[in-house]
Amino acid sequence: MQVRLKVLWLKNFLGFAIDQRTSHNSSPLTPYYFWPKTDAWDQLRLELDSKLWIKRDESIAILNTITEVTNYWTQDRNKANPKKKVVEC
């Protein structure tokens, strides 16, 4: 099983959502959570914790990626153009 972290990169917000990927398609596991409007990291942590079939190391990798993206966005958001990014985990 593979999960995919989706990132919606906007000027004033970051949106994060997680999809489950199979060999032929993907299905949403979570809605988008928007930072800094809400604590997206904590909301996704709770979502991941509720899905017992997701391995702990996968959850940690996703949460670490969210932290990295958030830090990068905070530092460089005025330089970047709004875009949708998908990060494979």
PDB file of N, CA and C in Angstrom:
ATOM      1  N   MET A   1       0.842  -1.177   0.000  1.00  0.00           N
ATOM      2  CA  MET A   1       0.000   0.000   0.000  1.00  0.00           C
ATOM      3  C   MET A   1       0.883   1.235   0.000  1.00  0.00           C
ATOM      4  N   GLN A   2       0.477   2.206  -0.761  1.00  0.00           N
ATOM      5  CA  GLN A   2       1.241   3.439  -0.842  1.00  0.00           C
ATOM      6  C   GLN A   2       0.296   4.602  -0.623  1.00  0.00           C
ATOM      7  N   VAL A   3       0.787   5.611   0.062  1.00  0.00           N
ATOM      8  CA  VAL A   3       0.008   6.814   0.270  1.00  0.00           C
ATOM      9  C   VAL A   3       0.708   7.969  -0.427  1.00  0.00           C
ATOM     10  N   ARG A   4      -0.092   8.962  -0.776  1.00  0.00           N
ATOM     11  CA  ARG A   4       0.444  10.127  -1.462  1.00  0.00           C
ATOM     12  C   ARG A   4      -0.020  11.365  -0.720  1.00  0.00           C
ATOM     13  N   LEU A   5       0.915  12.210  -0.403  1.00  0.00           N
ATOM     14  CA  LEU A   5       0.614  13.499   0.203  1.00  0.00           C
ATOM     15  C   LEU A   5       0.399  14.494  -0.922  1.00  0.00           C
ATOM     16  N   LYS A   6      -0.748  15.142  -0.908  1.00  0.00           N
ATOM     17  CA  LYS A   6      -1.032  16.179  -1.898  1.00  0.00           C
ATOM     18  C   LYS A   6      -0.905  17.527  -1.212  1.00  0.00           C
ATOM     19  N   VAL A   7      -0.253  18.464  -1.902  1.00  0.00           N
ATOM     20  CA  VAL A   7      -0.032  19.800  -1.358  1.00  0.00           C
ATOM     21  C   VAL A   7      -0.612  20.812  -2.332  1.00  0.00           C
ATOM     22  N   LEU A   8      -1.460  21.651  -1.824  1.00  0.00           N
ATOM     23  CA  LEU A   8      -1.990  22.763  -2.597  1.00  0.00           C
ATOM     24  C   LEU A   8      -1.287  24.017  -2.105  1.00  0.00           C
ATOM     25  N   TRP A   9      -0.444  24.584  -2.950  1.00  0.00           N
ATOM     26  CA  TRP A   9       0.426  25.700  -2.587  1.00  0.00           C
ATOM     27  C   TRP A   9      -0.226  26.991  -3.046  1.00  0.00           C
ATOM     28  N   LEU A  10      -0.721  27.785  -2.125  1.00  0.00           N
ATOM     29  CA  LEU A  10      -1.355  29.052  -2.435  1.00  0.00           C
ATOM     30  C   LEU A  10      -0.590  30.184  -1.757  1.00  0.00           C
ATOM     31  N   LYS A  11      -0.898  31.398  -2.135  1.00  0.00           N
ATOM     32  CA  LYS A  11      -0.161  32.532  -1.577  1.00  0.00           C
ATOM     33  C   LYS A  11      -0.345  32.660  -0.066  1.00  0.00           C
ATOM     34  N   ASN A  12      -1.569  32.474   0.421  1.00  0.00           N
ATOM     35  CA  ASN A  12      -1.839  32.680   1.846  1.00  0.00           C
ATOM     36  C   ASN A  12      -2.099  31.406   2.627  1.00  0.00           C
ATOM     37  N   PHE A  13      -2.188  30.283   1.969  1.00  0.00           N
ATOM     38  CA  PHE A  13      -2.492  29.017   2.634  1.00  0.00           C
ATOM     39  C   PHE A  13      -1.757  27.873   1.970  1.00  0.00           C
ATOM     40  N   LEU A  14      -1.536  26.839   2.747  1.00  0.00           N
ATOM     41  CA  LEU A  14      -1.089  25.542   2.231  1.00  0.00           C
ATOM     42  C   LEU A  14      -2.203  24.555   2.512  1.00  0.00           C
ATOM     43  N   GLY A  15      -2.562  23.760   1.526  1.00  0.00           N
ATOM     44  CA  GLY A  15      -3.545  22.711   1.729  1.00  0.00           C
ATOM     45  C   GLY A  15      -2.855  21.359   1.671  1.00  0.00           C
ATOM     46  N   PHE A  16      -3.182  20.485   2.610  1.00  0.00           N
ATOM     47  CA  PHE A  16      -2.603  19.138   2.657  1.00  0.00           C
ATOM     48  C   PHE A  16      -3.727  18.109   2.676  1.00  0.00           C
ATOM     49  N   ALA A  17      -3.567  17.058   1.882  1.00  0.00           N
ATOM     50  CA  ALA A  17      -4.504  15.935   1.882  1.00  0.00           C
ATOM     51  C   ALA A  17      -3.708  14.667   1.590  1.00  0.00           C
ATOM     52  N   ILE A  18      -4.281  13.525   1.931  1.00  0.00           N
ATOM     53  CA  ILE A  18      -3.616  12.240   1.721  1.00  0.00           C
ATOM     54  C   ILE A  18      -4.532  11.337   0.909  1.00  0.00           C
ATOM     55  N   ASP A  19      -3.940  10.705  -0.105  1.00  0.00           N
ATOM     56  CA  ASP A  19      -4.632   9.705  -0.918  1.00  0.00           C
ATOM     57  C   ASP A  19      -3.997   8.345  -0.708  1.00  0.00           C
ATOM     58  N   GLN A  20      -4.786   7.313  -0.888  1.00  0.00           N
ATOM     59  CA  GLN A  20      -4.282   5.937  -0.914  1.00  0.00           C
ATOM     60  C   GLN A  20      -4.100   5.565  -2.372  1.00  0.00           C
ATOM     61  N   ARG A  21      -2.962   5.001  -2.706  1.00  0.00           N
ATOM     62  CA  ARG A  21      -2.685   4.611  -4.083  1.00  0.00           C
ATOM     63  C   ARG A  21      -2.652   3.097  -4.195  1.00  0.00           C
ATOM     64  N   THR A  22      -3.243   2.624  -5.265  1.00  0.00           N
ATOM     65  CA  THR A  22      -3.142   1.220  -5.628  1.00  0.00           C
ATOM     66  C   THR A  22      -2.458   1.182  -6.989  1.00  0.00           C
ATOM     67  N   SER A  23      -2.342  -0.004  -7.558  1.00  0.00           N
ATOM     68  CA  SER A  23      -1.639  -0.104  -8.832  1.00  0.00           C
ATOM     69  C   SER A  23      -2.370   0.597  -9.971  1.00  0.00           C
ATOM     70  N   HIS A  24      -3.687   0.774  -9.837  1.00  0.00           N
ATOM     71  CA  HIS A  24      -4.450   1.340 -10.948  1.00  0.00           C
ATOM     72  C   HIS A  24      -5.108   2.689 -10.676  1.00  0.00           C
ATOM     73  N   ASN A  25      -5.257   3.076  -9.434  1.00  0.00           N
ATOM     74  CA  ASN A  25      -5.940   4.346  -9.146  1.00  0.00           C
ATOM     75  C   ASN A  25      -5.581   4.847  -7.764  1.00  0.00           C
ATOM     76  N   SER A  26      -6.213   5.946  -7.393  1.00  0.00           N
ATOM     77  CA  SER A  26      -6.018   6.470  -6.039  1.00  0.00           C
ATOM     78  C   SER A  26      -7.368   6.892  -5.480  1.00  0.00           C
ATOM     79  N   SER A  27      -7.457   6.865  -4.147  1.00  0.00           N
ATOM     80  CA  SER A  27      -8.683   7.233  -3.437  1.00  0.00           C
ATOM     81  C   SER A  27      -8.328   8.196  -2.319  1.00  0.00           C
ATOM     82  N   PRO A  28      -9.134   9.224  -2.114  1.00  0.00           N
ATOM     83  CA  PRO A  28      -8.846  10.151  -1.007  1.00  0.00           C
ATOM     84  C   PRO A  28      -9.017   9.477   0.352  1.00  0.00           C
ATOM     85  N   LEU A  29      -8.037   9.678   1.207  1.00  0.00           N
ATOM     86  CA  LEU A  29      -8.135   9.212   2.598  1.00  0.00           C
ATOM     87  C   LEU A  29      -8.561  10.337   3.521  1.00  0.00           C
ATOM     88  N   THR A  30      -8.204  11.562   3.162  1.00  0.00           N
ATOM     89  CA  THR A  30      -8.519  12.708   4.009  1.00  0.00           C
ATOM     90  C   THR A  30      -9.002  13.857   3.128  1.00  0.00           C
ATOM     91  N   PRO A  31      -9.728  14.779   3.725  1.00  0.00           N
ATOM     92  CA  PRO A  31     -10.003  16.033   3.012  1.00  0.00           C
ATOM     93  C   PRO A  31      -8.747  16.903   3.059  1.00  0.00           C
ATOM     94  N   TYR A  32      -8.787  18.013   2.370  1.00  0.00           N
ATOM     95  CA  TYR A  32      -7.702  18.989   2.499  1.00  0.00           C
ATOM     96  C   TYR A  32      -7.846  19.711   3.829  1.00  0.00           C
ATOM     97  N   TYR A  33      -6.712  19.901   4.502  1.00  0.00           N
ATOM     98  CA  TYR A  33      -6.630  20.741   5.689  1.00  0.00           C
ATOM     99  C   TYR A  33      -5.699  21.892   5.347  1.00  0.00           C
ATOM    100  N   PHE A  34      -6.091  23.095   5.724  1.00  0.00           N
ATOM    101  CA  PHE A  34      -5.353  24.285   5.303  1.00  0.00           C
ATOM    102  C   PHE A  34      -4.626  24.928   6.476  1.00  0.00           C
ATOM    103  N   TRP A  35      -3.344  25.194   6.249  1.00  0.00           N
ATOM    104  CA  TRP A  35      -2.488  25.858   7.221  1.00  0.00           C
ATOM    105  C   TRP A  35      -2.184  27.237   6.673  1.00  0.00           C
ATOM    106  N   PRO A  36      -2.147  28.278   7.418  1.00  0.00           N
ATOM    107  CA  PRO A  36      -2.243  28.407   8.863  1.00  0.00           C
ATOM    108  C   PRO A  36      -3.672  28.589   9.375  1.00  0.00           C
ATOM    109  N   LYS A  37      -4.649  28.462   8.507  1.00  0.00           N
ATOM    110  CA  LYS A  37      -6.044  28.613   8.944  1.00  0.00           C
ATOM    111  C   LYS A  37      -6.388  27.627  10.055  1.00  0.00           C
ATOM    112  N   THR A  38      -5.907  26.398   9.945  1.00  0.00           N
ATOM    113  CA  THR A  38      -6.076  25.381  10.987  1.00  0.00           C
ATOM    114  C   THR A  38      -4.723  24.726  11.233  1.00  0.00           C
ATOM    115  N   ASP A  39      -4.642  23.896  12.233  1.00  0.00           N
ATOM    116  CA  ASP A  39      -3.412  23.142  12.488  1.00  0.00           C
ATOM    117  C   ASP A  39      -3.440  21.873  11.634  1.00  0.00           C
ATOM    118  N   ALA A  40      -3.111  22.047  10.350  1.00  0.00           N
ATOM    119  CA  ALA A  40      -3.200  20.947   9.391  1.00  0.00           C
ATOM    120  C   ALA A  40      -2.326  19.769   9.810  1.00  0.00           C
ATOM    121  N   TRP A  41      -1.152  20.037  10.363  1.00  0.00           N
ATOM    122  CA  TRP A  41      -0.254  18.952  10.767  1.00  0.00           C
ATOM    123  C   TRP A  41      -0.938  18.071  11.806  1.00  0.00           C
ATOM    124  N   ASP A  42      -1.525  18.684  12.818  1.00  0.00           N
ATOM    125  CA  ASP A  42      -2.174  17.922  13.885  1.00  0.00           C
ATOM    126  C   ASP A  42      -3.422  17.202  13.373  1.00  0.00           C
ATOM    127  N   GLN A  43      -4.177  17.841  12.502  1.00  0.00           N
ATOM    128  CA  GLN A  43      -5.364  17.198  11.946  1.00  0.00           C
ATOM    129  C   GLN A  43      -4.983  15.959  11.122  1.00  0.00           C
ATOM    130  N   LEU A  44      -3.930  16.066  10.345  1.00  0.00           N
ATOM    131  CA  LEU A  44      -3.499  14.911   9.564  1.00  0.00           C
ATOM    132  C   LEU A  44      -2.871  13.836  10.442  1.00  0.00           C
ATOM    133  N   ARG A  45      -2.220  14.239  11.506  1.00  0.00           N
ATOM    134  CA  ARG A  45      -1.693  13.244  12.450  1.00  0.00           C
ATOM    135  C   ARG A  45      -2.842  12.422  13.028  1.00  0.00           C
ATOM    136  N   LEU A  46      -3.918  13.087  13.427  1.00  0.00           N
ATOM    137  CA  LEU A  46      -5.077  12.372  13.962  1.00  0.00           C
ATOM    138  C   LEU A  46      -5.691  11.449  12.909  1.00  0.00           C
ATOM    139  N   GLU A  47      -5.770  11.922  11.679  1.00  0.00           N
ATOM    140  CA  GLU A  47      -6.293  11.085  10.586  1.00  0.00           C
ATOM    141  C   GLU A  47      -5.424   9.846  10.390  1.00  0.00           C
ATOM    142  N   LEU A  48      -4.115  10.038  10.356  1.00  0.00           N
ATOM    143  CA  LEU A  48      -3.201   8.911  10.167  1.00  0.00           C
ATOM    144  C   LEU A  48      -3.275   7.936  11.338  1.00  0.00           C
ATOM    145  N   ASP A  49      -3.369   8.458  12.559  1.00  0.00           N
ATOM    146  CA  ASP A  49      -3.471   7.593  13.737  1.00  0.00           C
ATOM    147  C   ASP A  49      -4.743   6.749  13.719  1.00  0.00           C
ATOM    148  N   SER A  50      -5.792   7.258  13.104  1.00  0.00           N
ATOM    149  CA  SER A  50      -7.059   6.514  13.065  1.00  0.00           C
ATOM    150  C   SER A  50      -7.052   5.400  12.016  1.00  0.00           C
ATOM    151  N   LYS A  51      -6.085   5.414  11.133  1.00  0.00           N
ATOM    152  CA  LYS A  51      -5.986   4.399  10.085  1.00  0.00           C
ATOM    153  C   LYS A  51      -4.899   3.404  10.492  1.00  0.00           C
ATOM    154  N   LEU A  52      -5.316   2.392  11.206  1.00  0.00           N
ATOM    155  CA  LEU A  52      -4.372   1.454  11.827  1.00  0.00           C
ATOM    156  C   LEU A  52      -3.552   0.665  10.818  1.00  0.00           C
ATOM    157  N   TRP A  53      -3.990   0.589   9.592  1.00  0.00           N
ATOM    158  CA  TRP A  53      -3.278  -0.172   8.570  1.00  0.00           C
ATOM    159  C   TRP A  53      -2.129   0.613   7.947  1.00  0.00           C
ATOM    160  N   ILE A  54      -2.017   1.915   8.264  1.00  0.00           N
ATOM    161  CA  ILE A  54      -0.875   2.694   7.789  1.00  0.00           C
ATOM    162  C   ILE A  54       0.262   2.512   8.783  1.00  0.00           C
ATOM    163  N   LYS A  55       1.403   2.106   8.264  1.00  0.00           N
ATOM    164  CA  LYS A  55       2.563   1.864   9.130  1.00  0.00           C
ATOM    165  C   LYS A  55       3.031   3.159   9.784  1.00  0.00           C
ATOM    166  N   ARG A  56       3.530   2.997  10.990  1.00  0.00           N
ATOM    167  CA  ARG A  56       3.999   4.145  11.778  1.00  0.00           C
ATOM    168  C   ARG A  56       5.087   4.919  11.035  1.00  0.00           C
ATOM    169  N   ASP A  57       6.027   4.216  10.400  1.00  0.00           N
ATOM    170  CA  ASP A  57       7.102   4.913   9.691  1.00  0.00           C
ATOM    171  C   ASP A  57       6.572   5.696   8.485  1.00  0.00           C
ATOM    172  N   GLU A  58       5.490   5.212   7.851  1.00  0.00           N
ATOM    173  CA  GLU A  58       4.866   5.968   6.768  1.00  0.00           C
ATOM    174  C   GLU A  58       4.230   7.249   7.311  1.00  0.00           C
ATOM    175  N   SER A  59       3.554   7.142   8.442  1.00  0.00           N
ATOM    176  CA  SER A  59       2.942   8.310   9.070  1.00  0.00           C
ATOM    177  C   SER A  59       3.991   9.343   9.438  1.00  0.00           C
ATOM    178  N   ILE A  60       5.081   8.893   9.997  1.00  0.00           N
ATOM    179  CA  ILE A  60       6.165   9.802  10.389  1.00  0.00           C
ATOM    180  C   ILE A  60       6.752  10.492   9.164  1.00  0.00           C
ATOM    181  N   ALA A  61       6.947   9.745   8.084  1.00  0.00           N
ATOM    182  CA  ALA A  61       7.498  10.330   6.855  1.00  0.00           C
ATOM    183  C   ALA A  61       6.566  11.401   6.298  1.00  0.00           C
ATOM    184  N   ILE A  62       5.269  11.138   6.311  1.00  0.00           N
ATOM    185  CA  ILE A  62       4.299  12.115   5.817  1.00  0.00           C
ATOM    186  C   ILE A  62       4.317  13.369   6.680  1.00  0.00           C
ATOM    187  N   LEU A  63       4.285  13.199   7.986  1.00  0.00           N
ATOM    188  CA  LEU A  63       4.276  14.347   8.897  1.00  0.00           C
ATOM    189  C   LEU A  63       5.571  15.155   8.795  1.00  0.00           C
ATOM    190  N   ASN A  64       6.695  14.471   8.625  1.00  0.00           N
ATOM    191  CA  ASN A  64       7.968  15.178   8.436  1.00  0.00           C
ATOM    192  C   ASN A  64       7.957  15.983   7.136  1.00  0.00           C
ATOM    193  N   THR A  65       7.373  15.409   6.092  1.00  0.00           N
ATOM    194  CA  THR A  65       7.282  16.118   4.814  1.00  0.00           C
ATOM    195  C   THR A  65       6.396  17.347   4.945  1.00  0.00           C
ATOM    196  N   ILE A  66       5.287  17.223   5.672  1.00  0.00           N
ATOM    197  CA  ILE A  66       4.413  18.374   5.903  1.00  0.00           C
ATOM    198  C   ILE A  66       5.180  19.485   6.614  1.00  0.00           C
ATOM    199  N   THR A  67       5.975  19.118   7.603  1.00  0.00           N
ATOM    200  CA  THR A  67       6.784  20.104   8.326  1.00  0.00           C
ATOM    201  C   THR A  67       7.773  20.787   7.391  1.00  0.00           C
ATOM    202  N   GLU A  68       8.457  20.012   6.552  1.00  0.00           N
ATOM    203  CA  GLU A  68       9.432  20.576   5.615  1.00  0.00           C
ATOM    204  C   GLU A  68       8.769  21.527   4.618  1.00  0.00           C
ATOM    205  N   VAL A  69       7.646  21.111   4.057  1.00  0.00           N
ATOM    206  CA  VAL A  69       6.939  21.949   3.090  1.00  0.00           C
ATOM    207  C   VAL A  69       6.451  23.231   3.752  1.00  0.00           C
ATOM    208  N   THR A  70       5.908  23.108   4.948  1.00  0.00           N
ATOM    209  CA  THR A  70       5.413  24.288   5.682  1.00  0.00           C
ATOM    210  C   THR A  70       6.556  25.258   5.961  1.00  0.00           C
ATOM    211  N   ASN A  71       7.691  24.746   6.397  1.00  0.00           N
ATOM    212  CA  ASN A  71       8.847  25.609   6.666  1.00  0.00           C
ATOM    213  C   ASN A  71       9.326  26.298   5.391  1.00  0.00           C
ATOM    214  N   TYR A  72       9.402  25.558   4.294  1.00  0.00           N
ATOM    215  CA  TYR A  72       9.839  26.136   3.023  1.00  0.00           C
ATOM    216  C   TYR A  72       8.851  27.209   2.566  1.00  0.00           C
ATOM    217  N   TRP A  73       7.559  26.901   2.643  1.00  0.00           N
ATOM    218  CA  TRP A  73       6.525  27.849   2.230  1.00  0.00           C
ATOM    219  C   TRP A  73       6.589  29.121   3.069  1.00  0.00           C
ATOM    220  N   THR A  74       6.777  28.971   4.370  1.00  0.00           N
ATOM    221  CA  THR A  74       6.839  30.124   5.268  1.00  0.00           C
ATOM    222  C   THR A  74       8.011  31.033   4.897  1.00  0.00           C
ATOM    223  N   GLN A  75       9.137  30.446   4.529  1.00  0.00           N
ATOM    224  CA  GLN A  75      10.322  31.226   4.191  1.00  0.00           C
ATOM    225  C   GLN A  75      10.235  31.863   2.810  1.00  0.00           C
ATOM    226  N   ASP A  76       9.623  31.155   1.861  1.00  0.00           N
ATOM    227  CA  ASP A  76       9.696  31.587   0.464  1.00  0.00           C
ATOM    228  C   ASP A  76       8.351  31.844  -0.194  1.00  0.00           C
ATOM    229  N   ARG A  77       7.284  31.990   0.568  1.00  0.00           N
ATOM    230  CA  ARG A  77       5.957  32.080  -0.062  1.00  0.00           C
ATOM    231  C   ARG A  77       5.777  33.309  -0.925  1.00  0.00           C
ATOM    232  N   ASN A  78       6.469  34.377  -0.643  1.00  0.00           N
ATOM    233  CA  ASN A  78       6.336  35.570  -1.476  1.00  0.00           C
ATOM    234  C   ASN A  78       7.057  35.430  -2.808  1.00  0.00           C
ATOM    235  N   LYS A  79       7.964  34.478  -2.916  1.00  0.00           N
ATOM    236  CA  LYS A  79       8.709  34.263  -4.148  1.00  0.00           C
ATOM    237  C   LYS A  79       8.017  33.264  -5.069  1.00  0.00           C
ATOM    238  N   ALA A  80       7.241  32.359  -4.504  1.00  0.00           N
ATOM    239  CA  ALA A  80       6.673  31.253  -5.278  1.00  0.00           C
ATOM    240  C   ALA A  80       5.337  31.639  -5.896  1.00  0.00           C
ATOM    241  N   ASN A  81       5.055  31.049  -7.052  1.00  0.00           N
ATOM    242  CA  ASN A  81       3.761  31.204  -7.703  1.00  0.00           C
ATOM    243  C   ASN A  81       2.809  30.151  -7.163  1.00  0.00           C
ATOM    244  N   PRO A  82       1.506  30.469  -7.046  1.00  0.00           N
ATOM    245  CA  PRO A  82       0.554  29.454  -6.603  1.00  0.00           C
ATOM    246  C   PRO A  82       0.557  28.269  -7.553  1.00  0.00           C
ATOM    247  N   LYS A  83       0.588  27.052  -6.996  1.00  0.00           N
ATOM    248  CA  LYS A  83       0.593  25.857  -7.814  1.00  0.00           C
ATOM    249  C   LYS A  83       0.186  24.666  -6.978  1.00  0.00           C
ATOM    250  N   LYS A  84      -0.174  23.616  -7.650  1.00  0.00           N
ATOM    251  CA  LYS A  84      -0.515  22.384  -6.977  1.00  0.00           C
ATOM    252  C   LYS A  84       0.680  21.454  -7.077  1.00  0.00           C
ATOM    253  N   LYS A  85       1.099  20.929  -5.950  1.00  0.00           N
ATOM    254  CA  LYS A  85       2.231  20.013  -5.932  1.00  0.00           C
ATOM    255  C   LYS A  85       1.784  18.697  -5.323  1.00  0.00           C
ATOM    256  N   VAL A  86       2.331  17.614  -5.825  1.00  0.00           N
ATOM    257  CA  VAL A  86       2.061  16.304  -5.275  1.00  0.00           C
ATOM    258  C   VAL A  86       3.375  15.718  -4.818  1.00  0.00           C
ATOM    259  N   VAL A  87       3.424  15.248  -3.594  1.00  0.00           N
ATOM    260  CA  VAL A  87       4.632  14.655  -3.030  1.00  0.00           C
ATOM    261  C   VAL A  87       4.357  13.200  -2.748  1.00  0.00           C
ATOM    262  N   GLU A  88       5.180  12.309  -3.303  1.00  0.00           N
ATOM    263  CA  GLU A  88       5.031  10.887  -3.059  1.00  0.00           C
ATOM    264  C   GLU A  88       5.734  10.521  -1.770  1.00  0.00           C
ATOM    265  N   CYS A  89       5.063   9.748  -0.941  1.00  0.00           N
ATOM    266  CA  CYS A  89       5.670   9.250   0.291  1.00  0.00           C
ATOM    267  C   CYS A  89       5.607   7.738   0.286  1.00  0.00           C
TER     268      CYS A  89
END
